[in-house]
Amino acid sequence: MLFRSSIFSSFYATLPVLAEIQFPVNHYNNRFFVSSGIIFQYRLNSSTKIRYRLDKKREKLKTPGDYSLPDVRYSLMARMGYRNFQVFCNYDLQPLFKKGTGPEMIPFTFGITLLRF
């Protein structure tokens, strides 16, 4: 058996509640904005997928489960940007895994968005 990859994924329904300030008000195309707030998330699905080769044949094994992830997550979000460029950061208010079931990790996400929807 030849191991190829292992993937852990989780799928959440997300409800962001953000307050945003934009200026200057009269120029829609050239607005600078700053927003912050809280994000509520509800876990819909989580699974692992392992891809491997067995006797020169590609195989995959997908296993759904809760993997000690909380069903509800809360995060703080801040973002700011100008036109189609945006920087953001999210900080979760609770650990990634339920207490006593995994390593004590609190997710922190940051990044750049180059296109606004």
PDB file of N, CA and C in Angstrom:
ATOM      1  N   MET A   1       0.850  -1.177   0.000  1.00  0.00           N
ATOM      2  CA  MET A   1       0.000   0.000   0.000  1.00  0.00           C
ATOM      3  C   MET A   1       0.897   1.242   0.000  1.00  0.00           C
ATOM      4  N   LEU A   2       0.606   2.153  -0.898  1.00  0.00           N
ATOM      5  CA  LEU A   2       1.350   3.404  -1.018  1.00  0.00           C
ATOM      6  C   LEU A   2       0.420   4.557  -0.654  1.00  0.00           C
ATOM      7  N   PHE A   3       0.760   5.258   0.420  1.00  0.00           N
ATOM      8  CA  PHE A   3      -0.036   6.371   0.914  1.00  0.00           C
ATOM      9  C   PHE A   3       0.171   7.588   0.028  1.00  0.00           C
ATOM     10  N   ARG A   4      -0.937   8.277  -0.369  1.00  0.00           N
ATOM     11  CA  ARG A   4      -0.835   9.460  -1.232  1.00  0.00           C
ATOM     12  C   ARG A   4      -1.176  10.747  -0.505  1.00  0.00           C
ATOM     13  N   SER A   5      -2.331  10.809   0.175  1.00  0.00           N
ATOM     14  CA  SER A   5      -2.705  12.042   0.865  1.00  0.00           C
ATOM     15  C   SER A   5      -3.755  11.765   1.929  1.00  0.00           C
ATOM     16  N   SER A   6      -3.829  12.690   2.874  1.00  0.00           N
ATOM     17  CA  SER A   6      -4.830  12.627   3.933  1.00  0.00           C
ATOM     18  C   SER A   6      -5.439  14.016   4.070  1.00  0.00           C
ATOM     19  N   ILE A   7      -6.762  14.099   4.042  1.00  0.00           N
ATOM     20  CA  ILE A   7      -7.464  15.381   4.084  1.00  0.00           C
ATOM     21  C   ILE A   7      -8.480  15.354   5.216  1.00  0.00           C
ATOM     22  N   PHE A   8      -8.471  16.406   6.031  1.00  0.00           N
ATOM     23  CA  PHE A   8      -9.477  16.597   7.074  1.00  0.00           C
ATOM     24  C   PHE A   8     -10.275  17.829   6.694  1.00  0.00           C
ATOM     25  N   SER A   9     -11.605  17.712   6.628  1.00  0.00           N
ATOM     26  CA  SER A   9     -12.414  18.864   6.238  1.00  0.00           C
ATOM     27  C   SER A   9     -13.627  18.998   7.154  1.00  0.00           C
ATOM     28  N   SER A  10     -14.051  20.233   7.315  1.00  0.00           N
ATOM     29  CA  SER A  10     -15.272  20.518   8.070  1.00  0.00           C
ATOM     30  C   SER A  10     -16.057  21.581   7.310  1.00  0.00           C
ATOM     31  N   PHE A  11     -17.367  21.474   7.354  1.00  0.00           N
ATOM     32  CA  PHE A  11     -18.263  22.351   6.598  1.00  0.00           C
ATOM     33  C   PHE A  11     -19.198  23.032   7.593  1.00  0.00           C
ATOM     34  N   TYR A  12     -19.190  24.366   7.608  1.00  0.00           N
ATOM     35  CA  TYR A  12     -19.976  25.161   8.559  1.00  0.00           C
ATOM     36  C   TYR A  12     -20.920  26.104   7.829  1.00  0.00           C
ATOM     37  N   ALA A  13     -22.117  26.302   8.374  1.00  0.00           N
ATOM     38  CA  ALA A  13     -23.003  27.388   7.959  1.00  0.00           C
ATOM     39  C   ALA A  13     -22.573  28.601   8.783  1.00  0.00           C
ATOM     40  N   THR A  14     -22.383  29.734   8.121  1.00  0.00           N
ATOM     41  CA  THR A  14     -21.801  30.907   8.759  1.00  0.00           C
ATOM     42  C   THR A  14     -22.751  32.094   8.707  1.00  0.00           C
ATOM     43  N   LEU A  15     -22.881  32.791   9.841  1.00  0.00           N
ATOM     44  CA  LEU A  15     -23.684  34.006   9.923  1.00  0.00           C
ATOM     45  C   LEU A  15     -22.802  35.126  10.473  1.00  0.00           C
ATOM     46  N   PRO A  16     -22.295  36.015   9.598  1.00  0.00           N
ATOM     47  CA  PRO A  16     -21.499  37.139  10.094  1.00  0.00           C
ATOM     48  C   PRO A  16     -22.401  38.299  10.517  1.00  0.00           C
ATOM     49  N   VAL A  17     -22.090  38.910  11.651  1.00  0.00           N
ATOM     50  CA  VAL A  17     -22.787  40.108  12.125  1.00  0.00           C
ATOM     51  C   VAL A  17     -21.705  41.178  12.274  1.00  0.00           C
ATOM     52  N   LEU A  18     -21.623  42.070  11.271  1.00  0.00           N
ATOM     53  CA  LEU A  18     -20.547  43.047  11.204  1.00  0.00           C
ATOM     54  C   LEU A  18     -21.089  44.462  11.140  1.00  0.00           C
ATOM     55  N   ALA A  19     -20.370  45.384  11.752  1.00  0.00           N
ATOM     56  CA  ALA A  19     -20.652  46.817  11.620  1.00  0.00           C
ATOM     57  C   ALA A  19     -19.552  47.400  10.742  1.00  0.00           C
ATOM     58  N   GLU A  20     -19.938  48.221   9.754  1.00  0.00           N
ATOM     59  CA  GLU A  20     -18.968  48.721   8.783  1.00  0.00           C
ATOM     60  C   GLU A  20     -19.059  50.238   8.675  1.00  0.00           C
ATOM     61  N   ILE A  21     -17.901  50.859   8.555  1.00  0.00           N
ATOM     62  CA  ILE A  21     -17.798  52.297   8.321  1.00  0.00           C
ATOM     63  C   ILE A  21     -17.124  52.481   6.969  1.00  0.00           C
ATOM     64  N   GLN A  22     -17.732  53.334   6.100  1.00  0.00           N
ATOM     65  CA  GLN A  22     -17.180  53.607   4.779  1.00  0.00           C
ATOM     66  C   GLN A  22     -16.981  55.110   4.620  1.00  0.00           C
ATOM     67  N   PHE A  23     -15.864  55.501   4.013  1.00  0.00           N
ATOM     68  CA  PHE A  23     -15.639  56.915   3.738  1.00  0.00           C
ATOM     69  C   PHE A  23     -14.727  57.076   2.539  1.00  0.00           C
ATOM     70  N   PRO A  24     -14.852  58.115   1.734  1.00  0.00           N
ATOM     71  CA  PRO A  24     -15.887  59.141   1.780  1.00  0.00           C
ATOM     72  C   PRO A  24     -17.232  58.588   1.325  1.00  0.00           C
ATOM     73  N   VAL A  25     -18.282  59.138   1.834  1.00  0.00           N
ATOM     74  CA  VAL A  25     -19.627  58.632   1.594  1.00  0.00           C
ATOM     75  C   VAL A  25     -20.089  58.881   0.159  1.00  0.00           C
ATOM     76  N   ASN A  26     -19.706  59.962  -0.447  1.00  0.00           N
ATOM     77  CA  ASN A  26     -20.245  60.347  -1.751  1.00  0.00           C
ATOM     78  C   ASN A  26     -19.589  59.655  -2.944  1.00  0.00           C
ATOM     79  N   HIS A  27     -18.515  58.911  -2.769  1.00  0.00           N
ATOM     80  CA  HIS A  27     -17.799  58.289  -3.879  1.00  0.00           C
ATOM     81  C   HIS A  27     -17.808  56.773  -3.702  1.00  0.00           C
ATOM     82  N   TYR A  28     -18.767  56.101  -4.338  1.00  0.00           N
ATOM     83  CA  TYR A  28     -18.927  54.659  -4.154  1.00  0.00           C
ATOM     84  C   TYR A  28     -17.713  53.870  -4.650  1.00  0.00           C
ATOM     85  N   ASN A  29     -17.152  54.223  -5.796  1.00  0.00           N
ATOM     86  CA  ASN A  29     -16.042  53.452  -6.372  1.00  0.00           C
ATOM     87  C   ASN A  29     -14.729  53.615  -5.622  1.00  0.00           C
ATOM     88  N   ASN A  30     -14.554  54.664  -4.858  1.00  0.00           N
ATOM     89  CA  ASN A  30     -13.287  54.928  -4.177  1.00  0.00           C
ATOM     90  C   ASN A  30     -13.426  54.943  -2.661  1.00  0.00           C
ATOM     91  N   ARG A  31     -14.272  54.095  -2.123  1.00  0.00           N
ATOM     92  CA  ARG A  31     -14.478  54.062  -0.674  1.00  0.00           C
ATOM     93  C   ARG A  31     -13.444  53.194   0.028  1.00  0.00           C
ATOM     94  N   PHE A  32     -13.005  53.684   1.169  1.00  0.00           N
ATOM     95  CA  PHE A  32     -12.206  52.911   2.105  1.00  0.00           C
ATOM     96  C   PHE A  32     -13.164  52.417   3.177  1.00  0.00           C
ATOM     97  N   PHE A  33     -13.026  51.183   3.616  1.00  0.00           N
ATOM     98  CA  PHE A  33     -13.954  50.674   4.626  1.00  0.00           C
ATOM     99  C   PHE A  33     -13.217  49.932   5.732  1.00  0.00           C
ATOM    100  N   VAL A  34     -13.811  49.965   6.907  1.00  0.00           N
ATOM    101  CA  VAL A  34     -13.346  49.245   8.084  1.00  0.00           C
ATOM    102  C   VAL A  34     -14.571  48.591   8.694  1.00  0.00           C
ATOM    103  N   SER A  35     -14.490  47.293   8.997  1.00  0.00           N
ATOM    104  CA  SER A  35     -15.618  46.618   9.631  1.00  0.00           C
ATOM    105  C   SER A  35     -15.115  45.635  10.669  1.00  0.00           C
ATOM    106  N   SER A  36     -15.964  45.367  11.653  1.00  0.00           N
ATOM    107  CA  SER A  36     -15.641  44.380  12.683  1.00  0.00           C
ATOM    108  C   SER A  36     -16.949  43.833  13.247  1.00  0.00           C
ATOM    109  N   GLY A  37     -16.844  42.691  13.892  1.00  0.00           N
ATOM    110  CA  GLY A  37     -18.030  42.078  14.474  1.00  0.00           C
ATOM    111  C   GLY A  37     -17.764  40.647  14.881  1.00  0.00           C
ATOM    112  N   ILE A  38     -18.832  39.890  14.974  1.00  0.00           N
ATOM    113  CA  ILE A  38     -18.753  38.501  15.421  1.00  0.00           C
ATOM    114  C   ILE A  38     -19.321  37.594  14.331  1.00  0.00           C
ATOM    115  N   ILE A  39     -18.778  36.399  14.237  1.00  0.00           N
ATOM    116  CA  ILE A  39     -19.233  35.403  13.269  1.00  0.00           C
ATOM    117  C   ILE A  39     -19.732  34.193  14.048  1.00  0.00           C
ATOM    118  N   PHE A  40     -20.959  33.762  13.759  1.00  0.00           N
ATOM    119  CA  PHE A  40     -21.532  32.551  14.345  1.00  0.00           C
ATOM    120  C   PHE A  40     -21.448  31.447  13.300  1.00  0.00           C
ATOM    121  N   GLN A  41     -21.013  30.248  13.726  1.00  0.00           N
ATOM    122  CA  GLN A  41     -20.890  29.131  12.795  1.00  0.00           C
ATOM    123  C   GLN A  41     -21.511  27.877  13.400  1.00  0.00           C
ATOM    124  N   TYR A  42     -22.213  27.116  12.549  1.00  0.00           N
ATOM    125  CA  TYR A  42     -22.816  25.847  12.958  1.00  0.00           C
ATOM    126  C   TYR A  42     -22.265  24.742  12.064  1.00  0.00           C
ATOM    127  N   ARG A  43     -21.700  23.705  12.682  1.00  0.00           N
ATOM    128  CA  ARG A  43     -21.077  22.620  11.913  1.00  0.00           C
ATOM    129  C   ARG A  43     -22.134  21.743  11.267  1.00  0.00           C
ATOM    130  N   LEU A  44     -22.055  21.607   9.957  1.00  0.00           N
ATOM    131  CA  LEU A  44     -22.967  20.761   9.207  1.00  0.00           C
ATOM    132  C   LEU A  44     -22.374  19.392   8.913  1.00  0.00           C
ATOM    133  N   ASN A  45     -21.044  19.337   8.716  1.00  0.00           N
ATOM    134  CA  ASN A  45     -20.412  18.083   8.330  1.00  0.00           C
ATOM    135  C   ASN A  45     -18.920  18.177   8.613  1.00  0.00           C
ATOM    136  N   SER A  46     -18.312  17.050   8.927  1.00  0.00           N
ATOM    137  CA  SER A  46     -16.856  16.946   9.012  1.00  0.00           C
ATOM    138  C   SER A  46     -16.463  15.521   8.640  1.00  0.00           C
ATOM    139  N   SER A  47     -15.303  15.395   7.985  1.00  0.00           N
ATOM    140  CA  SER A  47     -14.878  14.072   7.524  1.00  0.00           C
ATOM    141  C   SER A  47     -13.378  14.057   7.275  1.00  0.00           C
ATOM    142  N   THR A  48     -12.843  12.851   7.131  1.00  0.00           N
ATOM    143  CA  THR A  48     -11.469  12.656   6.691  1.00  0.00           C
ATOM    144  C   THR A  48     -11.495  11.852   5.400  1.00  0.00           C
ATOM    145  N   LYS A  49     -10.516  12.103   4.548  1.00  0.00           N
ATOM    146  CA  LYS A  49     -10.391  11.339   3.311  1.00  0.00           C
ATOM    147  C   LYS A  49      -8.929  10.942   3.151  1.00  0.00           C
ATOM    148  N   ILE A  50      -8.693   9.662   2.925  1.00  0.00           N
ATOM    149  CA  ILE A  50      -7.347   9.142   2.719  1.00  0.00           C
ATOM    150  C   ILE A  50      -7.280   8.563   1.313  1.00  0.00           C
ATOM    151  N   ARG A  51      -6.282   8.988   0.557  1.00  0.00           N
ATOM    152  CA  ARG A  51      -6.059   8.463  -0.794  1.00  0.00           C
ATOM    153  C   ARG A  51      -4.798   7.620  -0.773  1.00  0.00           C
ATOM    154  N   TYR A  52      -4.875   6.460  -1.399  1.00  0.00           N
ATOM    155  CA  TYR A  52      -3.732   5.551  -1.421  1.00  0.00           C
ATOM    156  C   TYR A  52      -3.806   4.649  -2.640  1.00  0.00           C
ATOM    157  N   ARG A  53      -2.705   3.951  -2.895  1.00  0.00           N
ATOM    158  CA  ARG A  53      -2.640   2.970  -3.983  1.00  0.00           C
ATOM    159  C   ARG A  53      -2.477   1.588  -3.371  1.00  0.00           C
ATOM    160  N   LEU A  54      -3.249   0.651  -3.890  1.00  0.00           N
ATOM    161  CA  LEU A  54      -3.173  -0.737  -3.452  1.00  0.00           C
ATOM    162  C   LEU A  54      -3.145  -1.608  -4.699  1.00  0.00           C
ATOM    163  N   ASP A  55      -2.063  -2.317  -4.890  1.00  0.00           N
ATOM    164  CA  ASP A  55      -1.887  -3.161  -6.081  1.00  0.00           C
ATOM    165  C   ASP A  55      -2.074  -2.368  -7.376  1.00  0.00           C
ATOM    166  N   LYS A  56      -1.411  -1.213  -7.459  1.00  0.00           N
ATOM    167  CA  LYS A  56      -1.438  -0.321  -8.630  1.00  0.00           C
ATOM    168  C   LYS A  56      -2.834   0.215  -8.964  1.00  0.00           C
ATOM    169  N   LYS A  57      -3.727   0.188  -7.997  1.00  0.00           N
ATOM    170  CA  LYS A  57      -5.078   0.702  -8.185  1.00  0.00           C
ATOM    171  C   LYS A  57      -5.304   1.838  -7.177  1.00  0.00           C
ATOM    172  N   ARG A  58      -5.853   2.964  -7.656  1.00  0.00           N
ATOM    173  CA  ARG A  58      -6.125   4.099  -6.775  1.00  0.00           C
ATOM    174  C   ARG A  58      -7.356   3.814  -5.918  1.00  0.00           C
ATOM    175  N   GLU A  59      -7.216   4.077  -4.624  1.00  0.00           N
ATOM    176  CA  GLU A  59      -8.305   3.864  -3.671  1.00  0.00           C
ATOM    177  C   GLU A  59      -8.463   5.127  -2.834  1.00  0.00           C
ATOM    178  N   LYS A  60      -9.659   5.316  -2.269  1.00  0.00           N
ATOM    179  CA  LYS A  60      -9.864   6.381  -1.292  1.00  0.00           C
ATOM    180  C   LYS A  60     -10.861   5.914  -0.255  1.00  0.00           C
ATOM    181  N   LEU A  61     -10.657   6.380   0.948  1.00  0.00           N
ATOM    182  CA  LEU A  61     -11.507   6.031   2.081  1.00  0.00           C
ATOM    183  C   LEU A  61     -11.976   7.320   2.724  1.00  0.00           C
ATOM    184  N   LYS A  62     -13.277   7.576   2.719  1.00  0.00           N
ATOM    185  CA  LYS A  62     -13.847   8.779   3.320  1.00  0.00           C
ATOM    186  C   LYS A  62     -14.641   8.364   4.553  1.00  0.00           C
ATOM    187  N   THR A  63     -14.331   8.987   5.705  1.00  0.00           N
ATOM    188  CA  THR A  63     -14.955   8.637   6.970  1.00  0.00           C
ATOM    189  C   THR A  63     -15.564   9.882   7.609  1.00  0.00           C
ATOM    190  N   PRO A  64     -16.908   9.991   7.658  1.00  0.00           N
ATOM    191  CA  PRO A  64     -17.529  11.127   8.346  1.00  0.00           C
ATOM    192  C   PRO A  64     -17.505  10.925   9.862  1.00  0.00           C
ATOM    193  N   GLY A  65     -17.596  12.018  10.600  1.00  0.00           N
ATOM    194  CA  GLY A  65     -17.633  11.962  12.059  1.00  0.00           C
ATOM    195  C   GLY A  65     -17.543  13.359  12.634  1.00  0.00           C
ATOM    196  N   ASP A  66     -17.683  13.480  13.961  1.00  0.00           N
ATOM    197  CA  ASP A  66     -17.605  14.810  14.559  1.00  0.00           C
ATOM    198  C   ASP A  66     -16.180  15.185  14.952  1.00  0.00           C
ATOM    199  N   TYR A  67     -15.285  14.220  15.140  1.00  0.00           N
ATOM    200  CA  TYR A  67     -13.864  14.422  15.415  1.00  0.00           C
ATOM    201  C   TYR A  67     -13.616  15.422  16.543  1.00  0.00           C
ATOM    202  N   SER A  68     -14.484  15.424  17.528  1.00  0.00           N
ATOM    203  CA  SER A  68     -14.391  16.276  18.726  1.00  0.00           C
ATOM    204  C   SER A  68     -14.430  17.762  18.402  1.00  0.00           C
ATOM    205  N   LEU A  69     -15.021  18.128  17.272  1.00  0.00           N
ATOM    206  CA  LEU A  69     -15.214  19.543  16.931  1.00  0.00           C
ATOM    207  C   LEU A  69     -16.507  20.028  17.570  1.00  0.00           C
ATOM    208  N   PRO A  70     -16.535  21.262  18.065  1.00  0.00           N
ATOM    209  CA  PRO A  70     -17.789  21.778  18.618  1.00  0.00           C
ATOM    210  C   PRO A  70     -18.820  22.011  17.508  1.00  0.00           C
ATOM    211  N   ASP A  71     -20.091  21.838  17.824  1.00  0.00           N
ATOM    212  CA  ASP A  71     -21.143  22.069  16.834  1.00  0.00           C
ATOM    213  C   ASP A  71     -21.323  23.547  16.525  1.00  0.00           C
ATOM    214  N   VAL A  72     -21.073  24.423  17.517  1.00  0.00           N
ATOM    215  CA  VAL A  72     -21.241  25.867  17.348  1.00  0.00           C
ATOM    216  C   VAL A  72     -19.912  26.546  17.653  1.00  0.00           C
ATOM    217  N   ARG A  73     -19.518  27.467  16.777  1.00  0.00           N
ATOM    218  CA  ARG A  73     -18.291  28.237  16.967  1.00  0.00           C
ATOM    219  C   ARG A  73     -18.606  29.724  16.908  1.00  0.00           C
ATOM    220  N   TYR A  74     -17.797  30.513  17.634  1.00  0.00           N
ATOM    221  CA  TYR A  74     -17.919  31.969  17.644  1.00  0.00           C
ATOM    222  C   TYR A  74     -16.553  32.551  17.348  1.00  0.00           C
ATOM    223  N   SER A  75     -16.510  33.550  16.463  1.00  0.00           N
ATOM    224  CA  SER A  75     -15.240  34.186  16.094  1.00  0.00           C
ATOM    225  C   SER A  75     -15.408  35.691  16.048  1.00  0.00           C
ATOM    226  N   LEU A  76     -14.336  36.397  16.360  1.00  0.00           N
ATOM    227  CA  LEU A  76     -14.284  37.838  16.150  1.00  0.00           C
ATOM    228  C   LEU A  76     -13.654  38.077  14.784  1.00  0.00           C
ATOM    229  N   MET A  77     -14.176  39.058  14.059  1.00  0.00           N
ATOM    230  CA  MET A  77     -13.640  39.352  12.726  1.00  0.00           C
ATOM    231  C   MET A  77     -13.389  40.847  12.604  1.00  0.00           C
ATOM    232  N   ALA A  78     -12.277  41.193  11.962  1.00  0.00           N
ATOM    233  CA  ALA A  78     -11.970  42.584  11.620  1.00  0.00           C
ATOM    234  C   ALA A  78     -11.464  42.578  10.185  1.00  0.00           C
ATOM    235  N   ARG A  79     -11.864  43.589   9.436  1.00  0.00           N
ATOM    236  CA  ARG A  79     -11.398  43.700   8.058  1.00  0.00           C
ATOM    237  C   ARG A  79     -11.382  45.166   7.647  1.00  0.00           C
ATOM    238  N   MET A  80     -10.522  45.461   6.671  1.00  0.00           N
ATOM    239  CA  MET A  80     -10.481  46.804   6.109  1.00  0.00           C
ATOM    240  C   MET A  80      -9.971  46.692   4.684  1.00  0.00           C
ATOM    241  N   GLY A  81     -10.364  47.659   3.868  1.00  0.00           N
ATOM    242  CA  GLY A  81      -9.963  47.576   2.487  1.00  0.00           C
ATOM    243  C   GLY A  81     -10.277  48.827   1.710  1.00  0.00           C
ATOM    244  N   TYR A  82      -9.807  48.802   0.478  1.00  0.00           N
ATOM    245  CA  TYR A  82     -10.042  49.888  -0.466  1.00  0.00           C
ATOM    246  C   TYR A  82     -10.346  49.270  -1.820  1.00  0.00           C
ATOM    247  N   ARG A  83     -11.488  49.572  -2.364  1.00  0.00           N
ATOM    248  CA  ARG A  83     -11.963  49.047  -3.644  1.00  0.00           C
ATOM    249  C   ARG A  83     -11.945  47.521  -3.633  1.00  0.00           C
ATOM    250  N   ASN A  84     -11.140  46.868  -4.488  1.00  0.00           N
ATOM    251  CA  ASN A  84     -11.128  45.410  -4.582  1.00  0.00           C
ATOM    252  C   ASN A  84     -10.045  44.748  -3.731  1.00  0.00           C
ATOM    253  N   PHE A  85      -9.356  45.502  -2.895  1.00  0.00           N
ATOM    254  CA  PHE A  85      -8.309  44.966  -2.031  1.00  0.00           C
ATOM    255  C   PHE A  85      -8.793  45.003  -0.589  1.00  0.00           C
ATOM    256  N   GLN A  86      -8.605  43.888   0.134  1.00  0.00           N
ATOM    257  CA  GLN A  86      -9.106  43.784   1.500  1.00  0.00           C
ATOM    258  C   GLN A  86      -8.153  42.917   2.330  1.00  0.00           C
ATOM    259  N   VAL A  87      -7.911  43.301   3.580  1.00  0.00           N
ATOM    260  CA  VAL A  87      -7.191  42.459   4.530  1.00  0.00           C
ATOM    261  C   VAL A  87      -8.170  42.104   5.648  1.00  0.00           C
ATOM    262  N   PHE A  88      -8.027  40.902   6.195  1.00  0.00           N
ATOM    263  CA  PHE A  88      -8.957  40.461   7.236  1.00  0.00           C
ATOM    264  C   PHE A  88      -8.240  39.602   8.255  1.00  0.00           C
ATOM    265  N   CYS A  89      -8.840  39.465   9.438  1.00  0.00           N
ATOM    266  CA  CYS A  89      -8.372  38.517  10.440  1.00  0.00           C
ATOM    267  C   CYS A  89      -9.573  38.031  11.250  1.00  0.00           C
ATOM    268  N   ASN A  90      -9.535  36.753  11.602  1.00  0.00           N
ATOM    269  CA  ASN A  90     -10.565  36.112  12.431  1.00  0.00           C
ATOM    270  C   ASN A  90      -9.880  35.482  13.630  1.00  0.00           C
ATOM    271  N   TYR A  91     -10.495  35.607  14.802  1.00  0.00           N
ATOM    272  CA  TYR A  91      -9.979  34.991  16.014  1.00  0.00           C
ATOM    273  C   TYR A  91     -11.130  34.244  16.686  1.00  0.00           C
ATOM    274  N   ASP A  92     -10.998  32.918  16.797  1.00  0.00           N
ATOM    275  CA  ASP A  92     -12.032  32.113  17.445  1.00  0.00           C
ATOM    276  C   ASP A  92     -12.030  32.360  18.951  1.00  0.00           C
ATOM    277  N   LEU A  93     -13.202  32.311  19.558  1.00  0.00           N
ATOM    278  CA  LEU A  93     -13.344  32.558  20.986  1.00  0.00           C
ATOM    279  C   LEU A  93     -13.336  31.280  21.819  1.00  0.00           C
ATOM    280  N   GLN A  94     -13.167  30.126  21.197  1.00  0.00           N
ATOM    281  CA  GLN A  94     -13.054  28.868  21.922  1.00  0.00           C
ATOM    282  C   GLN A  94     -12.063  27.962  21.196  1.00  0.00           C
ATOM    283  N   PRO A  95     -11.569  26.924  21.871  1.00  0.00           N
ATOM    284  CA  PRO A  95     -10.598  26.023  21.226  1.00  0.00           C
ATOM    285  C   PRO A  95     -11.194  25.285  20.029  1.00  0.00           C
ATOM    286  N   LEU A  96     -10.307  24.804  19.151  1.00  0.00           N
ATOM    287  CA  LEU A  96     -10.731  24.079  17.961  1.00  0.00           C
ATOM    288  C   LEU A  96     -11.421  22.766  18.315  1.00  0.00           C
ATOM    289  N   PHE A  97     -10.900  22.050  19.322  1.00  0.00           N
ATOM    290  CA  PHE A  97     -11.474  20.776  19.742  1.00  0.00           C
ATOM    291  C   PHE A  97     -12.156  20.922  21.100  1.00  0.00           C
ATOM    292  N   LYS A  98     -13.105  20.025  21.386  1.00  0.00           N
ATOM    293  CA  LYS A  98     -13.761  20.017  22.683  1.00  0.00           C
ATOM    294  C   LYS A  98     -12.731  19.783  23.777  1.00  0.00           C
ATOM    295  N   LYS A  99     -13.000  20.314  24.967  1.00  0.00           N
ATOM    296  CA  LYS A  99     -12.052  20.258  26.072  1.00  0.00           C
ATOM    297  C   LYS A  99     -11.702  18.812  26.436  1.00  0.00           C
ATOM    298  N   GLY A 100     -10.403  18.530  26.549  1.00  0.00           N
ATOM    299  CA  GLY A 100      -9.933  17.222  26.952  1.00  0.00           C
ATOM    300  C   GLY A 100      -9.896  16.173  25.849  1.00  0.00           C
ATOM    301  N   THR A 101     -10.183  16.545  24.597  1.00  0.00           N
ATOM    302  CA  THR A 101     -10.225  15.556  23.518  1.00  0.00           C
ATOM    303  C   THR A 101      -9.138  15.746  22.465  1.00  0.00           C
ATOM    304  N   GLY A 102      -8.373  16.799  22.552  1.00  0.00           N
ATOM    305  CA  GLY A 102      -7.331  17.052  21.568  1.00  0.00           C
ATOM    306  C   GLY A 102      -6.422  18.154  22.055  1.00  0.00           C
ATOM    307  N   PRO A 103      -5.495  18.577  21.215  1.00  0.00           N
ATOM    308  CA  PRO A 103      -4.595  19.655  21.624  1.00  0.00           C
ATOM    309  C   PRO A 103      -5.358  20.961  21.833  1.00  0.00           C
ATOM    310  N   GLU A 104      -4.860  21.781  22.738  1.00  0.00           N
ATOM    311  CA  GLU A 104      -5.485  23.068  23.051  1.00  0.00           C
ATOM    312  C   GLU A 104      -5.036  24.084  22.003  1.00  0.00           C
ATOM    313  N   MET A 105      -5.862  24.282  20.957  1.00  0.00           N
ATOM    314  CA  MET A 105      -5.544  25.209  19.874  1.00  0.00           C
ATOM    315  C   MET A 105      -6.719  26.155  19.668  1.00  0.00           C
ATOM    316  N   ILE A 106      -6.404  27.433  19.550  1.00  0.00           N
ATOM    317  CA  ILE A 106      -7.433  28.428  19.241  1.00  0.00           C
ATOM    318  C   ILE A 106      -7.112  28.990  17.858  1.00  0.00           C
ATOM    319  N   PRO A 107      -7.998  28.758  16.862  1.00  0.00           N
ATOM    320  CA  PRO A 107      -7.710  29.201  15.490  1.00  0.00           C
ATOM    321  C   PRO A 107      -7.640  30.719  15.351  1.00  0.00           C
ATOM    322  N   PHE A 108      -6.670  31.157  14.569  1.00  0.00           N
ATOM    323  CA  PHE A 108      -6.493  32.553  14.188  1.00  0.00           C
ATOM    324  C   PHE A 108      -6.228  32.554  12.689  1.00  0.00           C
ATOM    325  N   THR A 109      -7.038  33.278  11.935  1.00  0.00           N
ATOM    326  CA  THR A 109      -6.933  33.299  10.478  1.00  0.00           C
ATOM    327  C   THR A 109      -6.727  34.732  10.018  1.00  0.00           C
ATOM    328  N   PHE A 110      -5.841  34.924   9.052  1.00  0.00           N
ATOM    329  CA  PHE A 110      -5.665  36.248   8.463  1.00  0.00           C
ATOM    330  C   PHE A 110      -5.345  36.071   6.987  1.00  0.00           C
ATOM    331  N   GLY A 111      -5.620  37.109   6.215  1.00  0.00           N
ATOM    332  CA  GLY A 111      -5.355  36.984   4.799  1.00  0.00           C
ATOM    333  C   GLY A 111      -5.691  38.233   4.013  1.00  0.00           C
ATOM    334  N   ILE A 112      -5.600  38.083   2.708  1.00  0.00           N
ATOM    335  CA  ILE A 112      -5.861  39.161   1.755  1.00  0.00           C
ATOM    336  C   ILE A 112      -6.926  38.687   0.790  1.00  0.00           C
ATOM    337  N   THR A 113      -7.888  39.548   0.486  1.00  0.00           N
ATOM    338  CA  THR A 113      -8.896  39.280  -0.530  1.00  0.00           C
ATOM    339  C   THR A 113      -8.675  40.278  -1.656  1.00  0.00           C
ATOM    340  N   LEU A 114      -8.614  39.775  -2.883  1.00  0.00           N
ATOM    341  CA  LEU A 114      -8.351  40.653  -4.025  1.00  0.00           C
ATOM    342  C   LEU A 114      -9.581  40.957  -4.857  1.00  0.00           C
ATOM    343  N   LEU A 115     -10.752  40.473  -4.442  1.00  0.00           N
ATOM    344  CA  LEU A 115     -11.982  40.708  -5.189  1.00  0.00           C
ATOM    345  C   LEU A 115     -13.141  40.794  -4.220  1.00  0.00           C
ATOM    346  N   ARG A 116     -13.972  41.807  -4.350  1.00  0.00           N
ATOM    347  CA  ARG A 116     -15.147  41.966  -3.483  1.00  0.00           C
ATOM    348  C   ARG A 116     -16.379  41.498  -4.212  1.00  0.00           C
ATOM    349  N   PHE A 117     -17.272  40.820  -3.472  1.00  0.00           N
ATOM    350  CA  PHE A 117     -18.559  40.379  -4.030  1.00  0.00           C
ATOM    351  C   PHE A 117     -19.653  41.214  -3.477  1.00  0.00           C
TER     352      PHE A 117
END
